[in-house]
Amino acid sequence: MAFNPFRERGTPLEKQLHNWKEINVQPYDKNEVHPYTRCRVILMNGIETEGAMFNHQFARHCDDMDLKRHLATTRRIEQQQQKMINWLAPANESTLEITIGYEQVAVDLTAYLARTEPDPYVKAALDFALLEDFDHLYRYANLLEMTEGKKADQITSQLTEITVGRPTALEHRHPFDDVRRHYDRKKASPLTQLHALTILAGEQQTMNFYMNVGNRPQETVGRGLYLEIAQIEEQHVTHYESLLDPNASWFEMLLLHEYNEVYLYHSMLQQEEHPRIKKIWEMHLDQELEHLRIAGEMMQKYEKRDPQELLPPELPEPTLFQSNIDYVRDVLARSTDFNAFETEFLPPDKFPSDGRYSAYQKVVNASDVPSELVIQQHMQKMGKEYRQELQGPHPVERFRMQ
């Protein structure tokens, strides 16, 4: 049955505030939680963080006290939502274990969005970054086994392969080459706009996480790996944020954020099997329906526009966490050697041979490259690299294990 977020009644705003005990939720059990429940927690933490950051920026750029108060009120509730979600992660889940979860989100969320994305250019952007995050999972998995003696597949299960993607050392590009063409919000599919905002929030959350925890490993190679991959996550935020139409008004952006939160909580609810966490998704969906209604009212008041003219009255098909092994293998086989130049994604035979990419590479990779070093050290210590290739040998011959 179609879900119309503009007609559904949410929880009244005055009933959305929680006390500390309610927000300080019981964490999931890291040994029993389904990998995709962990992924949903990580994603929705990022979605709420993006919502809070956007809302603050909106408030800093308006001079209307009534509007500022409306923004402050919904922002306070969304801050409580973020805390409730983030506090689901248990203290006995190490930083590296959580990092494996972050990269599983990056792989399977990006792959699903790419598979369902109607805009060819946005799909190409998703496919391009997918192979980079896929490689990050492989590098961190080797660090996890080498330093903590844990196998990453205990976290990812049999859902996501762990092997070489586009090697991280090759991902470092001149900043000019991470800026993309933006979609036209007046022509783009609503699904394209939701996908772009979702993946931006997810990658931004990963960037923020690595910016803050990357100095926690004791080993020099671990610290180096975090700082190297954190730089790529910043590139990915640039990559994805430039897809958004910068001509949208603040009220259009607010409406899209609130609609996307409704859409994603509704999506998470469709798949969640953890009964206690499912209740959180349901509660937050009811809260976000009211936030969407308020955003629509503000658009009508300040811009004299009907919000239902911008976004569809029925939510698109849900965004799902599911295994994407075959899809990732296909993208690997087709485009591992692609790189970005200006706004395009080019195969090796069309890529400039002596431009700014090679100059940038010579500077950042002038000494030992942490993402290569971690594999070398793992092989020295364990005798071989860590992989989980569930569907046979690597699809790219030169990356196959000898």
Protein backbone atom coordinates (compact mmCIF):
# COMPACT_ATOMS: atom_id res chain seq x y z
CA MET A 1 0.00 0.00 0.00
CA ALA A 2 1.35 3.44 -0.97
CA PHE A 3 2.68 5.60 1.85
CA ASN A 4 1.88 9.30 1.45
CA PRO A 5 4.09 11.23 3.91
CA PHE A 6 2.10 14.42 3.37
CA ARG A 7 -1.10 12.78 4.60
CA GLU A 8 0.20 10.55 7.38
CA ARG A 9 -0.13 12.07 10.83
CA GLY A 10 3.02 12.09 12.95
CA THR A 11 3.68 12.55 16.65
CA PRO A 12 2.85 16.12 17.75
CA LEU A 13 6.02 18.11 18.36
CA GLU A 14 5.19 18.79 22.01
CA LYS A 15 5.15 15.02 22.66
CA GLN A 16 8.52 14.25 21.03
CA LEU A 17 10.90 15.27 23.83
CA HIS A 18 12.57 12.40 25.75
CA ASN A 19 14.24 12.14 29.13
CA TRP A 20 17.84 11.00 29.60
CA LYS A 21 16.95 7.44 30.50
CA GLU A 22 14.91 7.03 27.33
CA ILE A 23 17.73 8.35 25.14
CA ASN A 24 20.44 6.30 26.88
CA VAL A 25 19.32 3.09 25.17
CA GLN A 26 20.61 -0.43 25.66
CA PRO A 27 23.27 -1.19 23.02
CA TYR A 28 22.96 -4.11 20.62
CA ASP A 29 25.00 -7.25 21.22
CA LYS A 30 27.91 -7.08 18.77
CA ASN A 31 28.14 -10.90 18.65
CA GLU A 32 24.50 -11.44 17.81
CA VAL A 33 23.37 -8.36 15.88
CA HIS A 34 22.68 -8.85 12.17
CA PRO A 35 25.33 -7.10 10.05
CA TYR A 36 22.69 -5.03 8.27
CA THR A 37 21.13 -3.91 11.55
CA ARG A 38 24.57 -2.50 12.39
CA CYS A 39 24.65 -0.91 8.92
CA ARG A 40 21.25 0.69 9.43
CA VAL A 41 22.39 2.13 12.77
CA ILE A 42 25.52 3.58 11.17
CA LEU A 43 23.61 5.04 8.22
CA MET A 44 20.83 6.65 10.27
CA ASN A 45 23.39 8.11 12.66
CA GLY A 46 24.92 9.79 9.62
CA ILE A 47 21.54 10.92 8.31
CA GLU A 48 20.66 12.60 11.60
CA THR A 49 24.13 14.17 11.86
CA GLU A 50 23.73 15.66 8.38
CA GLY A 51 20.27 16.93 9.35
CA ALA A 52 21.65 18.68 12.42
CA MET A 53 24.57 20.22 10.52
CA PHE A 54 22.34 21.45 7.71
CA ASN A 55 19.81 22.86 10.17
CA HIS A 56 22.54 24.81 11.98
CA GLN A 57 23.81 26.22 8.69
CA PHE A 58 20.28 27.29 7.74
CA ALA A 59 19.89 29.05 11.09
CA ARG A 60 23.21 30.87 10.59
CA HIS A 61 21.99 32.24 7.27
CA CYS A 62 18.57 33.61 8.21
CA ASP A 63 17.49 36.68 10.12
CA ASP A 64 13.97 35.75 11.15
CA MET A 65 13.52 34.95 14.85
CA ASP A 66 10.34 32.95 14.35
CA LEU A 67 12.02 30.77 11.73
CA LYS A 68 15.13 30.35 13.90
CA ARG A 69 12.92 29.13 16.76
CA HIS A 70 11.17 26.59 14.52
CA LEU A 71 14.53 25.31 13.32
CA ALA A 72 15.89 25.14 16.87
CA THR A 73 12.90 23.11 18.03
CA THR A 74 13.05 20.39 15.37
CA ARG A 75 16.85 20.38 15.59
CA ARG A 76 16.69 19.64 19.31
CA ILE A 77 14.50 16.60 18.68
CA GLU A 78 16.75 15.38 15.88
CA GLN A 79 19.74 15.71 18.19
CA GLN A 80 17.98 13.39 20.60
CA GLN A 81 17.29 10.99 17.74
CA GLN A 82 20.96 11.00 16.77
CA LYS A 83 22.06 10.26 20.34
CA MET A 84 19.58 7.41 20.66
CA ILE A 85 20.84 5.83 17.44
CA ASN A 86 24.54 6.36 18.10
CA TRP A 87 24.25 5.01 21.63
CA LEU A 88 23.09 1.66 20.18
CA ALA A 89 26.75 0.86 19.44
CA PRO A 90 28.26 -1.08 22.39
CA ALA A 91 31.43 -0.06 24.20
CA ASN A 92 33.04 -3.47 23.62
CA GLU A 93 32.95 -2.95 19.86
CA SER A 94 36.41 -1.67 19.04
CA THR A 95 37.04 1.31 16.79
CA LEU A 96 38.32 -1.03 14.08
CA GLU A 97 35.30 -3.33 14.37
CA ILE A 98 32.99 -0.35 13.95
CA THR A 99 35.13 0.79 11.03
CA ILE A 100 34.47 -2.52 9.27
CA GLY A 101 30.77 -1.78 9.73
CA TYR A 102 31.22 1.70 8.26
CA GLU A 103 32.88 0.27 5.16
CA GLN A 104 30.24 -2.43 4.77
CA VAL A 105 27.68 0.39 4.76
CA ALA A 106 29.71 2.20 2.12
CA VAL A 107 29.89 -0.87 -0.12
CA ASP A 108 26.37 -2.21 0.11
CA LEU A 109 24.55 1.12 0.34
CA THR A 110 26.46 2.56 -2.62
CA ALA A 111 25.93 -0.59 -4.68
CA TYR A 112 22.19 -0.63 -3.98
CA LEU A 113 21.79 3.05 -4.81
CA ALA A 114 23.75 2.57 -8.04
CA ARG A 115 21.62 -0.42 -9.04
CA THR A 116 18.43 1.59 -8.59
CA GLU A 117 19.64 5.03 -9.75
CA PRO A 118 17.78 6.39 -12.83
CA ASP A 119 20.31 9.12 -13.75
CA PRO A 120 23.24 7.65 -15.76
CA TYR A 121 25.76 10.25 -14.58
CA VAL A 122 24.83 9.89 -10.90
CA LYS A 123 24.98 6.10 -11.32
CA ALA A 124 28.47 6.44 -12.79
CA ALA A 125 29.50 8.58 -9.81
CA LEU A 126 28.20 5.91 -7.42
CA ASP A 127 29.94 3.08 -9.28
CA PHE A 128 33.20 5.03 -9.31
CA ALA A 129 33.35 5.64 -5.54
CA LEU A 130 32.00 2.14 -4.81
CA LEU A 131 35.26 0.52 -5.91
CA GLU A 132 37.25 2.84 -3.66
CA ASP A 133 35.21 2.08 -0.54
CA PHE A 134 35.38 -1.60 -1.46
CA ASP A 135 39.17 -1.39 -1.30
CA HIS A 136 39.02 0.44 2.04
CA LEU A 137 37.13 -2.50 3.53
CA TYR A 138 39.92 -4.83 2.39
CA ARG A 139 42.67 -2.65 3.88
CA TYR A 140 40.94 -2.25 7.25
CA ALA A 141 40.14 -5.97 7.36
CA ASN A 142 43.85 -6.76 7.11
CA LEU A 143 44.63 -4.23 9.83
CA LEU A 144 41.95 -5.79 12.07
CA GLU A 145 43.34 -9.31 11.80
CA MET A 146 46.95 -8.16 12.15
CA THR A 147 46.41 -5.97 15.25
CA GLU A 148 43.39 -7.48 17.04
CA GLY A 149 43.43 -11.07 15.79
CA LYS A 150 39.84 -10.78 14.56
CA LYS A 151 38.45 -11.69 11.16
CA ALA A 152 36.30 -9.08 9.45
CA ASP A 153 33.85 -11.69 8.17
CA GLN A 154 32.75 -12.18 11.77
CA ILE A 155 31.28 -8.68 11.35
CA THR A 156 30.24 -8.68 7.68
CA SER A 157 29.18 -12.35 7.58
CA GLN A 158 28.74 -13.86 4.09
CA LEU A 159 27.06 -10.75 2.73
CA THR A 160 29.96 -8.66 1.44
CA GLU A 161 33.17 -9.81 -0.20
CA ILE A 162 36.49 -8.52 1.11
CA THR A 163 39.21 -8.20 -1.50
CA VAL A 164 41.10 -5.67 -3.59
CA GLY A 165 39.11 -2.83 -5.17
CA ARG A 166 40.59 0.20 -6.88
CA PRO A 167 43.80 0.31 -4.83
CA THR A 168 43.65 3.12 -2.30
CA ALA A 169 47.11 4.37 -3.29
CA LEU A 170 45.71 5.17 -6.76
CA GLU A 171 42.65 7.03 -5.45
CA HIS A 172 44.49 10.21 -4.48
CA ARG A 173 43.54 12.86 -7.03
CA HIS A 174 44.01 16.58 -7.45
CA PRO A 175 41.03 18.38 -5.82
CA PHE A 176 39.91 19.73 -9.21
CA ASP A 177 39.13 16.18 -10.29
CA ASP A 178 36.73 15.39 -7.45
CA VAL A 179 34.16 18.07 -8.39
CA ARG A 180 31.18 16.73 -10.36
CA ARG A 181 28.36 18.15 -12.46
CA HIS A 182 25.20 18.73 -10.45
CA TYR A 183 21.75 17.47 -11.35
CA ASP A 184 19.00 19.92 -12.29
CA ARG A 185 16.50 19.81 -9.44
CA LYS A 186 13.70 20.86 -11.81
CA LYS A 187 14.29 17.85 -14.03
CA ALA A 188 15.93 15.24 -11.81
CA SER A 189 13.95 12.30 -10.50
CA PRO A 190 13.02 12.63 -6.82
CA LEU A 191 14.84 9.32 -6.31
CA THR A 192 18.05 10.83 -7.71
CA GLN A 193 17.80 13.71 -5.26
CA LEU A 194 17.17 11.35 -2.34
CA HIS A 195 20.03 9.08 -3.38
CA ALA A 196 22.48 11.99 -3.65
CA LEU A 197 21.57 13.33 -0.21
CA THR A 198 21.67 9.86 1.36
CA ILE A 199 25.10 8.90 0.06
CA LEU A 200 26.47 12.35 0.90
CA ALA A 201 25.30 11.98 4.50
CA GLY A 202 26.75 8.48 4.73
CA GLU A 203 30.16 9.46 3.36
CA GLN A 204 30.23 12.61 5.46
CA GLN A 205 29.60 10.55 8.58
CA THR A 206 32.51 8.26 7.64
CA MET A 207 34.74 11.28 7.02
CA ASN A 208 33.82 12.76 10.41
CA PHE A 209 34.32 9.43 12.17
CA TYR A 210 37.81 8.93 10.74
CA MET A 211 38.74 12.55 11.42
CA ASN A 212 38.07 11.93 15.11
CA VAL A 213 39.14 8.30 15.72
CA GLY A 214 41.99 7.97 13.25
CA ASN A 215 44.60 8.83 15.90
CA ARG A 216 43.43 6.09 18.28
CA PRO A 217 45.42 3.10 16.93
CA GLN A 218 48.70 2.48 18.73
CA GLU A 219 50.48 1.13 15.65
CA THR A 220 52.02 3.63 13.24
CA VAL A 221 50.66 1.71 10.25
CA GLY A 222 47.14 1.86 11.70
CA ARG A 223 47.32 5.58 12.29
CA GLY A 224 48.67 5.98 8.79
CA LEU A 225 45.90 3.90 7.24
CA TYR A 226 43.19 5.97 8.93
CA LEU A 227 44.72 9.28 7.87
CA GLU A 228 45.15 8.08 4.28
CA ILE A 229 41.62 6.74 3.93
CA ALA A 230 40.22 9.76 5.78
CA GLN A 231 41.63 11.89 2.97
CA ILE A 232 39.73 9.78 0.43
CA GLU A 233 36.54 10.15 2.43
CA GLU A 234 36.95 13.92 2.15
CA GLN A 235 37.32 13.46 -1.59
CA HIS A 236 34.11 11.42 -1.60
CA VAL A 237 32.23 14.14 0.26
CA THR A 238 33.38 16.63 -2.38
CA HIS A 239 32.43 14.10 -5.08
CA TYR A 240 28.88 13.62 -3.77
CA GLU A 241 28.04 17.09 -2.47
CA SER A 242 28.79 18.55 -5.90
CA LEU A 243 26.00 16.39 -7.36
CA LEU A 244 23.38 18.40 -5.42
CA ASP A 245 21.77 21.33 -7.22
CA PRO A 246 23.23 24.46 -5.53
CA ASN A 247 20.38 26.58 -6.89
CA ALA A 248 17.88 25.08 -4.44
CA SER A 249 16.55 27.50 -1.83
CA TRP A 250 17.08 26.92 1.88
CA PHE A 251 13.44 25.87 2.16
CA GLU A 252 13.76 23.41 -0.71
CA MET A 253 16.83 21.90 0.95
CA LEU A 254 15.05 21.71 4.30
CA LEU A 255 12.08 19.97 2.73
CA LEU A 256 14.35 17.48 0.94
CA HIS A 257 16.18 16.69 4.19
CA GLU A 258 12.97 16.05 6.11
CA TYR A 259 11.41 14.05 3.27
CA ASN A 260 14.58 11.95 3.01
CA GLU A 261 14.51 11.22 6.73
CA VAL A 262 10.90 10.06 6.46
CA TYR A 263 11.81 7.96 3.43
CA LEU A 264 14.81 6.32 5.09
CA TYR A 265 13.15 5.56 8.42
CA HIS A 266 10.28 4.03 6.45
CA SER A 267 12.86 2.03 4.45
CA MET A 268 14.72 0.84 7.56
CA LEU A 269 11.44 -0.23 9.11
CA GLN A 270 10.66 -2.53 6.18
CA GLN A 271 13.71 -4.74 6.80
CA GLU A 272 14.56 -4.47 10.48
CA GLU A 273 14.35 -7.72 12.43
CA HIS A 274 15.72 -6.50 15.78
CA PRO A 275 12.48 -5.82 17.72
CA ARG A 276 13.82 -3.10 20.01
CA ILE A 277 15.61 -1.23 17.23
CA LYS A 278 12.61 -1.60 14.94
CA LYS A 279 10.57 0.31 17.53
CA ILE A 280 13.14 3.13 17.38
CA TRP A 281 12.80 3.36 13.58
CA GLU A 282 9.01 3.44 13.96
CA MET A 283 9.11 6.14 16.64
CA HIS A 284 11.51 8.30 14.63
CA LEU A 285 9.40 7.88 11.50
CA ASP A 286 6.40 9.25 13.38
CA GLN A 287 8.50 12.18 14.61
CA GLU A 288 9.89 12.94 11.16
CA LEU A 289 6.42 13.01 9.63
CA GLU A 290 5.70 15.98 11.87
CA HIS A 291 9.03 17.60 11.00
CA LEU A 292 8.16 17.22 7.30
CA ARG A 293 4.76 18.81 7.89
CA ILE A 294 6.39 21.77 9.65
CA ALA A 295 8.97 22.15 6.84
CA GLY A 296 6.09 22.22 4.35
CA GLU A 297 4.29 24.88 6.35
CA MET A 298 7.42 27.03 6.46
CA MET A 299 7.82 26.72 2.69
CA GLN A 300 4.21 27.80 2.20
CA LYS A 301 4.65 30.72 4.60
CA TYR A 302 7.98 32.07 3.37
CA GLU A 303 7.99 31.07 -0.31
CA LYS A 304 4.25 30.72 -1.04
CA ARG A 305 4.90 27.31 -2.60
CA ASP A 306 3.16 23.96 -2.22
CA PRO A 307 5.70 21.35 -1.02
CA GLN A 308 3.81 18.61 -2.85
CA GLU A 309 4.79 20.23 -6.12
CA LEU A 310 8.46 19.44 -5.38
CA LEU A 311 8.33 15.90 -4.01
CA PRO A 312 6.05 12.94 -4.78
CA PRO A 313 3.00 12.19 -2.62
CA GLU A 314 4.05 8.53 -2.46
CA LEU A 315 7.43 7.38 -1.14
CA PRO A 316 9.66 5.61 -3.68
CA GLU A 317 10.50 1.95 -3.25
CA PRO A 318 12.53 1.48 -0.04
CA THR A 319 16.30 1.72 0.09
CA LEU A 320 17.43 -1.70 1.27
CA PHE A 321 20.52 -3.27 2.73
CA GLN A 322 21.16 -6.50 0.86
CA SER A 323 24.08 -8.44 -0.54
CA ASN A 324 25.52 -6.98 -3.75
CA ILE A 325 28.37 -9.38 -4.47
CA ASP A 326 27.54 -10.00 -8.13
CA TYR A 327 26.99 -6.31 -8.83
CA VAL A 328 30.28 -5.27 -7.22
CA ARG A 329 32.14 -7.95 -9.16
CA ASP A 330 30.64 -6.67 -12.40
CA VAL A 331 31.70 -3.07 -11.64
CA LEU A 332 35.18 -4.31 -10.70
CA ALA A 333 35.52 -6.18 -13.98
CA ARG A 334 34.36 -3.18 -16.02
CA SER A 335 35.95 -0.18 -14.36
CA THR A 336 38.63 -0.89 -11.75
CA ASP A 337 41.18 0.99 -13.87
CA PHE A 338 38.96 4.04 -14.42
CA ASN A 339 39.98 7.35 -12.91
CA ALA A 340 38.41 10.79 -12.69
CA PHE A 341 39.47 13.76 -14.76
CA GLU A 342 37.53 16.99 -14.25
CA THR A 343 33.86 15.85 -14.20
CA GLU A 344 34.26 12.58 -16.13
CA PHE A 345 35.21 8.98 -15.30
CA LEU A 346 37.70 7.74 -17.87
CA PRO A 347 39.29 4.41 -18.83
CA PRO A 348 43.10 4.26 -18.91
CA ASP A 349 43.36 4.78 -22.68
CA LYS A 350 41.54 8.12 -22.43
CA PHE A 351 43.12 9.41 -19.24
CA PRO A 352 45.73 12.24 -19.55
CA SER A 353 49.17 10.66 -19.12
CA ASP A 354 51.17 13.53 -17.63
CA GLY A 355 48.74 15.92 -15.96
CA ARG A 356 47.95 17.03 -12.45
CA TYR A 357 47.00 13.50 -11.31
CA SER A 358 50.58 12.21 -11.66
CA ALA A 359 51.98 15.37 -10.07
CA TYR A 360 49.65 15.01 -7.08
CA GLN A 361 50.49 11.30 -6.76
CA LYS A 362 54.23 12.02 -6.69
CA VAL A 363 53.78 14.32 -3.69
CA VAL A 364 51.38 12.34 -1.47
CA ASN A 365 52.84 8.91 -2.28
CA ALA A 366 56.48 10.02 -2.07
CA SER A 367 57.14 7.88 1.03
CA ASP A 368 55.67 4.58 2.27
CA VAL A 369 51.95 4.40 1.45
CA PRO A 370 50.01 3.14 4.53
CA SER A 371 47.37 1.28 2.49
CA GLU A 372 50.12 -0.74 0.78
CA LEU A 373 52.20 -1.07 3.93
CA VAL A 374 49.36 -2.66 5.90
CA ILE A 375 49.10 -5.48 3.36
CA GLN A 376 52.86 -6.00 3.31
CA GLN A 377 53.03 -6.16 7.11
CA HIS A 378 50.04 -8.49 7.29
CA MET A 379 51.73 -10.89 4.85
CA GLN A 380 54.96 -10.76 6.85
CA LYS A 381 53.14 -11.54 10.10
CA MET A 382 50.40 -13.91 8.92
CA GLY A 383 52.01 -15.44 5.83
CA LYS A 384 49.31 -14.19 3.45
CA GLU A 385 46.85 -11.33 3.05
CA TYR A 386 43.31 -11.50 4.41
CA ARG A 387 40.52 -11.88 1.85
CA GLN A 388 36.99 -13.23 1.68
CA GLU A 389 36.28 -14.01 -1.96
CA LEU A 390 32.93 -15.79 -1.85
CA GLN A 391 32.25 -16.10 -5.58
CA GLY A 392 35.59 -17.36 -6.81
CA PRO A 393 38.84 -15.68 -7.91
CA HIS A 394 39.05 -11.90 -8.22
CA PRO A 395 37.36 -10.68 -11.42
CA VAL A 396 40.50 -8.72 -12.37
CA GLU A 397 43.26 -11.18 -13.20
CA ARG A 398 46.23 -9.17 -11.91
CA PHE A 399 44.62 -8.96 -8.47
CA ARG A 400 44.19 -12.70 -8.10
CA MET A 401 46.09 -14.42 -5.30
CA GLN A 402 49.12 -16.40 -6.46
